[in-house]
């Protein structure tokens, strides 16, 4: 009886999952970019160095947009803010 019940629970769980290998809300990072977008070869390390050179510390949440602009959270003068490194290498503070 226990074995049959366990098998039934397992089968119900597999059916409920529907064979998906990832949750429905997860998407590929490139999915937001248009097919014609040309991404440059800048790296996280290069971007982190540019932010450090501009005086930022505690750099985290680095992500690259389809326009080759890097976005991050970083601290400067004791205040954390959103910053961007534009495609030409310019570091700017983003509007909150």
PDB file of N, CA and C in Angstrom:
ATOM      1  N   UNK A   1       0.823  -1.182   0.000  1.00  0.00           N
ATOM      2  CA  UNK A   1       0.000   0.000   0.000  1.00  0.00           C
ATOM      3  C   UNK A   1       0.876   1.257   0.000  1.00  0.00           C
ATOM      4  N   UNK A   2       1.894   1.315   0.876  1.00  0.00           N
ATOM      5  CA  UNK A   2       2.785   2.464   0.963  1.00  0.00           C
ATOM      6  C   UNK A   2       3.554   2.641  -0.330  1.00  0.00           C
ATOM      7  N   UNK A   3       3.973   1.515  -0.889  1.00  0.00           N
ATOM      8  CA  UNK A   3       4.719   1.563  -2.140  1.00  0.00           C
ATOM      9  C   UNK A   3       3.847   2.111  -3.263  1.00  0.00           C
ATOM     10  N   UNK A   4       2.605   1.703  -3.338  1.00  0.00           N
ATOM     11  CA  UNK A   4       1.676   2.175  -4.363  1.00  0.00           C
ATOM     12  C   UNK A   4       1.402   3.664  -4.181  1.00  0.00           C
ATOM     13  N   UNK A   5       1.216   4.094  -2.942  1.00  0.00           N
ATOM     14  CA  UNK A   5       0.955   5.498  -2.648  1.00  0.00           C
ATOM     15  C   UNK A   5       2.170   6.351  -3.019  1.00  0.00           C
ATOM     16  N   UNK A   6       3.363   5.880  -2.710  1.00  0.00           N
ATOM     17  CA  UNK A   6       4.588   6.610  -3.055  1.00  0.00           C
ATOM     18  C   UNK A   6       4.729   6.750  -4.556  1.00  0.00           C
ATOM     19  N   UNK A   7       4.439   5.693  -5.280  1.00  0.00           N
ATOM     20  CA  UNK A   7       4.513   5.720  -6.729  1.00  0.00           C
ATOM     21  C   UNK A   7       3.492   6.701  -7.296  1.00  0.00           C
ATOM     22  N   UNK A   8       2.303   6.733  -6.736  1.00  0.00           N
ATOM     23  CA  UNK A   8       1.260   7.646  -7.194  1.00  0.00           C
ATOM     24  C   UNK A   8       1.663   9.099  -6.956  1.00  0.00           C
ATOM     25  N   UNK A   9       2.264   9.385  -5.806  1.00  0.00           N
ATOM     26  CA  UNK A   9       2.713  10.741  -5.487  1.00  0.00           C
ATOM     27  C   UNK A   9       3.829  11.164  -6.444  1.00  0.00           C
ATOM     28  N   UNK A  10       4.759  10.275  -6.704  1.00  0.00           N
ATOM     29  CA  UNK A  10       5.846  10.562  -7.626  1.00  0.00           C
ATOM     30  C   UNK A  10       5.319  10.832  -9.032  1.00  0.00           C
ATOM     31  N   UNK A  11       4.392  10.018  -9.485  1.00  0.00           N
ATOM     32  CA  UNK A  11       3.803  10.197 -10.804  1.00  0.00           C
ATOM     33  C   UNK A  11       3.059  11.527 -10.885  1.00  0.00           C
ATOM     34  N   UNK A  12       2.318  11.873  -9.845  1.00  0.00           N
ATOM     35  CA  UNK A  12       1.589  13.144  -9.824  1.00  0.00           C
ATOM     36  C   UNK A  12       2.555  14.327  -9.878  1.00  0.00           C
ATOM     37  N   UNK A  13       3.668  14.218  -9.173  1.00  0.00           N
ATOM     38  CA  UNK A  13       4.665  15.292  -9.181  1.00  0.00           C
ATOM     39  C   UNK A  13       5.277  15.462 -10.564  1.00  0.00           C
ATOM     40  N   UNK A  14       5.578  14.362 -11.221  1.00  0.00           N
ATOM     41  CA  UNK A  14       6.139  14.435 -12.571  1.00  0.00           C
ATOM     42  C   UNK A  14       5.156  15.045 -13.559  1.00  0.00           C
ATOM     43  N   UNK A  15       3.902  14.703 -13.431  1.00  0.00           N
ATOM     44  CA  UNK A  15       2.873  15.274 -14.305  1.00  0.00           C
ATOM     45  C   UNK A  15       2.725  16.760 -14.039  1.00  0.00           C
ATOM     46  N   UNK A  16       2.758  17.156 -12.768  1.00  0.00           N
ATOM     47  CA  UNK A  16       2.614  18.570 -12.405  1.00  0.00           C
ATOM     48  C   UNK A  16       3.764  19.401 -12.960  1.00  0.00           C
ATOM     49  N   UNK A  17       4.961  18.843 -12.978  1.00  0.00           N
ATOM     50  CA  UNK A  17       6.110  19.561 -13.518  1.00  0.00           C
ATOM     51  C   UNK A  17       6.045  19.675 -15.029  1.00  0.00           C
ATOM     52  N   UNK A  18       5.353  18.796 -15.650  1.00  0.00           N
ATOM     53  CA  UNK A  18       5.177  18.857 -17.100  1.00  0.00           C
ATOM     54  C   UNK A  18       6.443  18.656 -17.893  1.00  0.00           C
ATOM     55  N   UNK A  19       7.447  18.087 -17.282  1.00  0.00           N
ATOM     56  CA  UNK A  19       8.681  17.808 -18.012  1.00  0.00           C
ATOM     57  C   UNK A  19       9.553  19.026 -18.241  1.00  0.00           C
ATOM     58  N   UNK A  20       9.218  20.172 -17.622  1.00  0.00           N
ATOM     59  CA  UNK A  20      10.043  21.369 -17.813  1.00  0.00           C
ATOM     60  C   UNK A  20      11.357  21.211 -17.071  1.00  0.00           C
ATOM     61  N   UNK A  21      12.428  21.657 -17.706  1.00  0.00           N
ATOM     62  CA  UNK A  21      13.734  21.565 -17.066  1.00  0.00           C
ATOM     63  C   UNK A  21      14.099  22.851 -16.339  1.00  0.00           C
ATOM     64  N   UNK A  22      13.332  23.923 -16.562  1.00  0.00           N
ATOM     65  CA  UNK A  22      13.586  25.178 -15.875  1.00  0.00           C
ATOM     66  C   UNK A  22      12.261  25.860 -15.595  1.00  0.00           C
ATOM     67  N   UNK A  23      12.200  26.717 -14.584  1.00  0.00           N
ATOM     68  CA  UNK A  23      10.953  27.411 -14.285  1.00  0.00           C
ATOM     69  C   UNK A  23      10.522  28.287 -15.449  1.00  0.00           C
ATOM     70  N   UNK A  24       9.244  28.524 -15.587  1.00  0.00           N
ATOM     71  CA  UNK A  24       8.718  29.306 -16.696  1.00  0.00           C
ATOM     72  C   UNK A  24       9.144  30.756 -16.693  1.00  0.00           C
ATOM     73  N   UNK A  25       9.526  31.314 -15.552  1.00  0.00           N
ATOM     74  CA  UNK A  25       9.884  32.718 -15.498  1.00  0.00           C
ATOM     75  C   UNK A  25      11.335  32.987 -15.862  1.00  0.00           C
ATOM     76  N   UNK A  26      12.138  31.982 -16.029  1.00  0.00           N
ATOM     77  CA  UNK A  26      13.540  32.154 -16.387  1.00  0.00           C
ATOM     78  C   UNK A  26      13.645  32.263 -17.901  1.00  0.00           C
ATOM     79  N   UNK A  27      14.422  33.246 -18.353  1.00  0.00           N
ATOM     80  CA  UNK A  27      14.597  33.397 -19.796  1.00  0.00           C
ATOM     81  C   UNK A  27      16.086  33.521 -20.111  1.00  0.00           C
ATOM     82  N   UNK A  28      16.418  33.293 -21.335  1.00  0.00           N
ATOM     83  CA  UNK A  28      17.789  33.425 -21.781  1.00  0.00           C
ATOM     84  C   UNK A  28      18.207  34.890 -21.704  1.00  0.00           C
ATOM     85  N   UNK A  29      19.445  35.175 -21.345  1.00  0.00           N
ATOM     86  CA  UNK A  29      19.915  36.551 -21.217  1.00  0.00           C
ATOM     87  C   UNK A  29      19.846  37.287 -22.546  1.00  0.00           C
ATOM     88  N   UNK A  30      20.086  36.606 -23.643  1.00  0.00           N
ATOM     89  CA  UNK A  30      20.093  37.260 -24.938  1.00  0.00           C
ATOM     90  C   UNK A  30      18.698  37.479 -25.497  1.00  0.00           C
ATOM     91  N   UNK A  31      17.684  36.973 -24.831  1.00  0.00           N
ATOM     92  CA  UNK A  31      16.319  37.047 -25.356  1.00  0.00           C
ATOM     93  C   UNK A  31      15.835  38.476 -25.510  1.00  0.00           C
ATOM     94  N   UNK A  32      16.349  39.425 -24.715  1.00  0.00           N
ATOM     95  CA  UNK A  32      15.890  40.805 -24.777  1.00  0.00           C
ATOM     96  C   UNK A  32      16.559  41.581 -25.907  1.00  0.00           C
ATOM     97  N   UNK A  33      17.609  41.080 -26.487  1.00  0.00           N
ATOM     98  CA  UNK A  33      18.321  41.771 -27.554  1.00  0.00           C
ATOM     99  C   UNK A  33      17.689  41.459 -28.905  1.00  0.00           C
ATOM    100  N   UNK A  34      17.767  42.444 -29.799  1.00  0.00           N
ATOM    101  CA  UNK A  34      17.291  42.230 -31.161  1.00  0.00           C
ATOM    102  C   UNK A  34      18.343  41.455 -31.943  1.00  0.00           C
ATOM    103  N   UNK A  35      17.914  40.704 -32.950  1.00  0.00           N
ATOM    104  CA  UNK A  35      18.887  39.911 -33.723  1.00  0.00           C
ATOM    105  C   UNK A  35      20.001  40.751 -34.346  1.00  0.00           C
ATOM    106  N   UNK A  36      19.743  42.016 -34.668  1.00  0.00           N
ATOM    107  CA  UNK A  36      20.756  42.867 -35.300  1.00  0.00           C
ATOM    108  C   UNK A  36      21.701  43.553 -34.327  1.00  0.00           C
ATOM    109  N   UNK A  37      21.477  43.427 -33.019  1.00  0.00           N
ATOM    110  CA  UNK A  37      22.339  44.064 -32.033  1.00  0.00           C
ATOM    111  C   UNK A  37      23.732  43.463 -32.091  1.00  0.00           C
ATOM    112  N   UNK A  38      24.729  44.326 -32.156  1.00  0.00           N
ATOM    113  CA  UNK A  38      26.127  43.887 -32.195  1.00  0.00           C
ATOM    114  C   UNK A  38      26.748  44.126 -30.828  1.00  0.00           C
ATOM    115  N   UNK A  39      27.074  43.063 -30.131  1.00  0.00           N
ATOM    116  CA  UNK A  39      27.685  43.181 -28.817  1.00  0.00           C
ATOM    117  C   UNK A  39      29.201  43.220 -28.939  1.00  0.00           C
ATOM    118  N   UNK A  40      29.812  44.179 -28.225  1.00  0.00           N
ATOM    119  CA  UNK A  40      31.269  44.252 -28.250  1.00  0.00           C
ATOM    120  C   UNK A  40      31.860  43.196 -27.316  1.00  0.00           C
ATOM    121  N   UNK A  41      33.153  43.153 -27.226  1.00  0.00           N
ATOM    122  CA  UNK A  41      33.810  42.095 -26.461  1.00  0.00           C
ATOM    123  C   UNK A  41      34.308  42.572 -25.095  1.00  0.00           C
ATOM    124  N   UNK A  42      33.738  43.671 -24.569  1.00  0.00           N
ATOM    125  CA  UNK A  42      34.156  44.121 -23.245  1.00  0.00           C
ATOM    126  C   UNK A  42      33.775  43.081 -22.199  1.00  0.00           C
ATOM    127  N   UNK A  43      34.584  43.001 -21.160  1.00  0.00           N
ATOM    128  CA  UNK A  43      34.387  41.978 -20.139  1.00  0.00           C
ATOM    129  C   UNK A  43      34.031  42.614 -18.795  1.00  0.00           C
ATOM    130  N   UNK A  44      33.585  41.783 -17.886  1.00  0.00           N
ATOM    131  CA  UNK A  44      33.279  42.221 -16.527  1.00  0.00           C
ATOM    132  C   UNK A  44      34.540  42.792 -15.877  1.00  0.00           C
ATOM    133  N   UNK A  45      35.672  42.129 -16.038  1.00  0.00           N
ATOM    134  CA  UNK A  45      36.920  42.590 -15.423  1.00  0.00           C
ATOM    135  C   UNK A  45      37.333  43.964 -15.945  1.00  0.00           C
ATOM    136  N   UNK A  46      37.229  44.177 -17.249  1.00  0.00           N
ATOM    137  CA  UNK A  46      37.564  45.481 -17.834  1.00  0.00           C
ATOM    138  C   UNK A  46      36.640  46.569 -17.283  1.00  0.00           C
ATOM    139  N   UNK A  47      35.372  46.243 -17.189  1.00  0.00           N
ATOM    140  CA  UNK A  47      34.386  47.204 -16.699  1.00  0.00           C
ATOM    141  C   UNK A  47      34.631  47.514 -15.228  1.00  0.00           C
ATOM    142  N   UNK A  48      34.914  46.493 -14.437  1.00  0.00           N
ATOM    143  CA  UNK A  48      35.209  46.697 -13.011  1.00  0.00           C
ATOM    144  C   UNK A  48      36.424  47.615 -12.846  1.00  0.00           C
ATOM    145  N   UNK A  49      37.464  47.426 -13.674  1.00  0.00           N
ATOM    146  CA  UNK A  49      38.658  48.267 -13.617  1.00  0.00           C
ATOM    147  C   UNK A  49      38.334  49.725 -13.937  1.00  0.00           C
ATOM    148  N   UNK A  50      37.471  49.952 -14.921  1.00  0.00           N
ATOM    149  CA  UNK A  50      37.078  51.322 -15.278  1.00  0.00           C
ATOM    150  C   UNK A  50      36.331  51.987 -14.124  1.00  0.00           C
ATOM    151  N   UNK A  51      35.454  51.232 -13.469  1.00  0.00           N
ATOM    152  CA  UNK A  51      34.719  51.773 -12.329  1.00  0.00           C
ATOM    153  C   UNK A  51      35.656  52.067 -11.161  1.00  0.00           C
ATOM    154  N   UNK A  52      36.611  51.174 -10.914  1.00  0.00           N
ATOM    155  CA  UNK A  52      37.574  51.402  -9.836  1.00  0.00           C
ATOM    156  C   UNK A  52      38.428  52.630 -10.124  1.00  0.00           C
ATOM    157  N   UNK A  53      38.830  52.811 -11.376  1.00  0.00           N
ATOM    158  CA  UNK A  53      39.629  53.963 -11.785  1.00  0.00           C
ATOM    159  C   UNK A  53      38.849  55.265 -11.582  1.00  0.00           C
ATOM    160  N   UNK A  54      37.520  55.182 -11.696  1.00  0.00           N
ATOM    161  CA  UNK A  54      36.651  56.351 -11.502  1.00  0.00           C
ATOM    162  C   UNK A  54      36.342  56.577 -10.022  1.00  0.00           C
ATOM    163  N   UNK A  55      36.895  55.733  -9.133  1.00  0.00           N
ATOM    164  CA  UNK A  55      36.738  55.927  -7.702  1.00  0.00           C
ATOM    165  C   UNK A  55      35.651  55.104  -7.042  1.00  0.00           C
ATOM    166  N   UNK A  56      35.075  54.158  -7.758  1.00  0.00           N
ATOM    167  CA  UNK A  56      34.001  53.332  -7.190  1.00  0.00           C
ATOM    168  C   UNK A  56      34.568  52.088  -6.519  1.00  0.00           C
ATOM    169  N   UNK A  57      33.896  51.687  -5.444  1.00  0.00           N
ATOM    170  CA  UNK A  57      34.270  50.478  -4.705  1.00  0.00           C
ATOM    171  C   UNK A  57      33.019  49.624  -4.511  1.00  0.00           C
ATOM    172  N   UNK A  58      33.178  48.441  -3.959  1.00  0.00           N
ATOM    173  CA  UNK A  58      32.056  47.523  -3.687  1.00  0.00           C
ATOM    174  C   UNK A  58      31.160  47.382  -4.917  1.00  0.00           C
ATOM    175  N   UNK A  59      31.765  47.100  -6.028  1.00  0.00           N
ATOM    176  CA  UNK A  59      31.054  46.992  -7.303  1.00  0.00           C
ATOM    177  C   UNK A  59      30.369  45.636  -7.392  1.00  0.00           C
ATOM    178  N   UNK A  60      29.070  45.642  -7.688  1.00  0.00           N
ATOM    179  CA  UNK A  60      28.335  44.384  -7.791  1.00  0.00           C
ATOM    180  C   UNK A  60      27.166  44.534  -8.766  1.00  0.00           C
ATOM    181  N   UNK A  61      26.509  43.428  -9.036  1.00  0.00           N
ATOM    182  CA  UNK A  61      25.367  43.367  -9.967  1.00  0.00           C
ATOM    183  C   UNK A  61      25.717  43.890 -11.355  1.00  0.00           C
ATOM    184  N   UNK A  62      26.902  43.580 -11.833  1.00  0.00           N
ATOM    185  CA  UNK A  62      27.302  44.002 -13.182  1.00  0.00           C
ATOM    186  C   UNK A  62      26.497  43.247 -14.232  1.00  0.00           C
ATOM    187  N   UNK A  63      25.945  43.979 -15.183  1.00  0.00           N
ATOM    188  CA  UNK A  63      25.219  43.363 -16.288  1.00  0.00           C
ATOM    189  C   UNK A  63      25.374  44.248 -17.519  1.00  0.00           C
ATOM    190  N   UNK A  64      25.360  43.615 -18.668  1.00  0.00           N
ATOM    191  CA  UNK A  64      25.596  44.320 -19.927  1.00  0.00           C
ATOM    192  C   UNK A  64      24.307  44.409 -20.720  1.00  0.00           C
ATOM    193  N   UNK A  65      24.004  45.601 -21.215  1.00  0.00           N
ATOM    194  CA  UNK A  65      22.816  45.799 -22.038  1.00  0.00           C
ATOM    195  C   UNK A  65      23.108  45.552 -23.505  1.00  0.00           C
ATOM    196  N   UNK A  66      22.054  45.469 -24.282  1.00  0.00           N
ATOM    197  CA  UNK A  66      22.191  45.212 -25.721  1.00  0.00           C
ATOM    198  C   UNK A  66      22.873  46.363 -26.451  1.00  0.00           C
ATOM    199  N   UNK A  67      22.921  47.543 -25.808  1.00  0.00           N
ATOM    200  CA  UNK A  67      23.580  48.703 -26.409  1.00  0.00           C
ATOM    201  C   UNK A  67      25.047  48.804 -25.979  1.00  0.00           C
ATOM    202  N   UNK A  68      25.568  47.732 -25.391  1.00  0.00           N
ATOM    203  CA  UNK A  68      26.956  47.636 -24.923  1.00  0.00           C
ATOM    204  C   UNK A  68      27.250  48.533 -23.726  1.00  0.00           C
ATOM    205  N   UNK A  69      26.227  48.998 -23.044  1.00  0.00           N
ATOM    206  CA  UNK A  69      26.396  49.757 -21.810  1.00  0.00           C
ATOM    207  C   UNK A  69      26.353  48.777 -20.641  1.00  0.00           C
ATOM    208  N   UNK A  70      27.337  48.868 -19.764  1.00  0.00           N
ATOM    209  CA  UNK A  70      27.385  48.042 -18.560  1.00  0.00           C
ATOM    210  C   UNK A  70      26.695  48.795 -17.439  1.00  0.00           C
ATOM    211  N   UNK A  71      25.900  48.108 -16.655  1.00  0.00           N
ATOM    212  CA  UNK A  71      25.184  48.690 -15.518  1.00  0.00           C
ATOM    213  C   UNK A  71      25.646  47.958 -14.262  1.00  0.00           C
ATOM    214  N   UNK A  72      25.727  48.702 -13.150  1.00  0.00           N
ATOM    215  CA  UNK A  72      26.176  48.110 -11.897  1.00  0.00           C
ATOM    216  C   UNK A  72      25.695  48.939 -10.717  1.00  0.00           C
ATOM    217  N   UNK A  73      25.860  48.364  -9.544  1.00  0.00           N
ATOM    218  CA  UNK A  73      25.697  49.077  -8.277  1.00  0.00           C
ATOM    219  C   UNK A  73      27.102  49.219  -7.726  1.00  0.00           C
ATOM    220  N   UNK A  74      27.418  50.408  -7.214  1.00  0.00           N
ATOM    221  CA  UNK A  74      28.753  50.629  -6.671  1.00  0.00           C
ATOM    222  C   UNK A  74      28.713  51.752  -5.641  1.00  0.00           C
ATOM    223  N   UNK A  75      29.744  51.799  -4.811  1.00  0.00           N
ATOM    224  CA  UNK A  75      29.821  52.800  -3.748  1.00  0.00           C
ATOM    225  C   UNK A  75      30.953  53.781  -4.039  1.00  0.00           C
ATOM    226  N   UNK A  76      30.621  55.069  -3.871  1.00  0.00           N
ATOM    227  CA  UNK A  76      31.623  56.125  -4.009  1.00  0.00           C
ATOM    228  C   UNK A  76      31.325  57.170  -2.938  1.00  0.00           C
ATOM    229  N   UNK A  77      32.339  57.579  -2.213  1.00  0.00           N
ATOM    230  CA  UNK A  77      32.182  58.549  -1.129  1.00  0.00           C
ATOM    231  C   UNK A  77      31.140  58.093  -0.110  1.00  0.00           C
ATOM    232  N   UNK A  78      31.084  56.787   0.146  1.00  0.00           N
ATOM    233  CA  UNK A  78      30.192  56.238   1.158  1.00  0.00           C
ATOM    234  C   UNK A  78      28.750  56.074   0.739  1.00  0.00           C
ATOM    235  N   UNK A  79      28.420  56.374  -0.510  1.00  0.00           N
ATOM    236  CA  UNK A  79      27.043  56.268  -0.995  1.00  0.00           C
ATOM    237  C   UNK A  79      26.964  55.270  -2.143  1.00  0.00           C
ATOM    238  N   UNK A  80      26.040  54.301  -2.015  1.00  0.00           N
ATOM    239  CA  UNK A  80      25.840  53.341  -3.105  1.00  0.00           C
ATOM    240  C   UNK A  80      24.881  53.939  -4.120  1.00  0.00           C
ATOM    241  N   UNK A  81      25.185  53.738  -5.380  1.00  0.00           N
ATOM    242  CA  UNK A  81      24.311  54.220  -6.446  1.00  0.00           C
ATOM    243  C   UNK A  81      24.406  53.305  -7.660  1.00  0.00           C
ATOM    244  N   UNK A  82      23.501  53.534  -8.599  1.00  0.00           N
ATOM    245  CA  UNK A  82      23.532  52.819  -9.873  1.00  0.00           C
ATOM    246  C   UNK A  82      24.445  53.596 -10.808  1.00  0.00           C
ATOM    247  N   UNK A  83      25.335  52.869 -11.449  1.00  0.00           N
ATOM    248  CA  UNK A  83      26.271  53.502 -12.371  1.00  0.00           C
ATOM    249  C   UNK A  83      26.250  52.761 -13.702  1.00  0.00           C
ATOM    250  N   UNK A  84      26.739  53.438 -14.722  1.00  0.00           N
ATOM    251  CA  UNK A  84      26.817  52.825 -16.044  1.00  0.00           C
ATOM    252  C   UNK A  84      28.172  53.138 -16.657  1.00  0.00           C
ATOM    253  N   UNK A  85      28.678  52.188 -17.404  1.00  0.00           N
ATOM    254  CA  UNK A  85      29.877  52.396 -18.208  1.00  0.00           C
ATOM    255  C   UNK A  85      29.396  52.316 -19.653  1.00  0.00           C
ATOM    256  N   UNK A  86      29.411  53.474 -20.327  1.00  0.00           N
ATOM    257  CA  UNK A  86      28.922  53.541 -21.700  1.00  0.00           C
ATOM    258  C   UNK A  86      29.856  52.818 -22.650  1.00  0.00           C
ATOM    259  N   UNK A  87      29.381  52.582 -23.854  1.00  0.00           N
ATOM    260  CA  UNK A  87      30.153  51.828 -24.848  1.00  0.00           C
ATOM    261  C   UNK A  87      31.504  52.488 -25.135  1.00  0.00           C
ATOM    262  N   UNK A  88      31.587  53.828 -24.994  1.00  0.00           N
ATOM    263  CA  UNK A  88      32.860  54.516 -25.249  1.00  0.00           C
ATOM    264  C   UNK A  88      33.777  54.535 -24.019  1.00  0.00           C
ATOM    265  N   UNK A  89      33.340  53.896 -22.905  1.00  0.00           N
ATOM    266  CA  UNK A  89      34.153  53.799 -21.702  1.00  0.00           C
ATOM    267  C   UNK A  89      33.868  54.868 -20.666  1.00  0.00           C
ATOM    268  N   UNK A  90      32.977  55.807 -20.962  1.00  0.00           N
ATOM    269  CA  UNK A  90      32.619  56.860 -20.019  1.00  0.00           C
ATOM    270  C   UNK A  90      31.820  56.280 -18.858  1.00  0.00           C
ATOM    271  N   UNK A  91      32.192  56.657 -17.627  1.00  0.00           N
ATOM    272  CA  UNK A  91      31.480  56.214 -16.430  1.00  0.00           C
ATOM    273  C   UNK A  91      30.509  57.315 -16.018  1.00  0.00           C
ATOM    274  N   UNK A  92      29.227  56.959 -15.869  1.00  0.00           N
ATOM    275  CA  UNK A  92      28.206  57.934 -15.466  1.00  0.00           C
ATOM    276  C   UNK A  92      27.356  57.362 -14.349  1.00  0.00           C
ATOM    277  N   UNK A  93      26.822  58.249 -13.515  1.00  0.00           N
ATOM    278  CA  UNK A  93      25.890  57.844 -12.478  1.00  0.00           C
ATOM    279  C   UNK A  93      24.501  57.830 -13.099  1.00  0.00           C
ATOM    280  N   UNK A  94      23.757  56.743 -12.872  1.00  0.00           N
ATOM    281  CA  UNK A  94      22.419  56.627 -13.439  1.00  0.00           C
ATOM    282  C   UNK A  94      21.398  57.303 -12.537  1.00  0.00           C
ATOM    283  N   UNK A  95      20.335  57.805 -13.144  1.00  0.00           N
ATOM    284  CA  UNK A  95      19.245  58.399 -12.373  1.00  0.00           C
ATOM    285  C   UNK A  95      18.555  57.302 -11.581  1.00  0.00           C
ATOM    286  N   UNK A  96      18.212  57.605 -10.367  1.00  0.00           N
ATOM    287  CA  UNK A  96      17.546  56.611  -9.503  1.00  0.00           C
ATOM    288  C   UNK A  96      16.071  56.560  -9.793  1.00  0.00           C
TER     289      UNK A  96
END
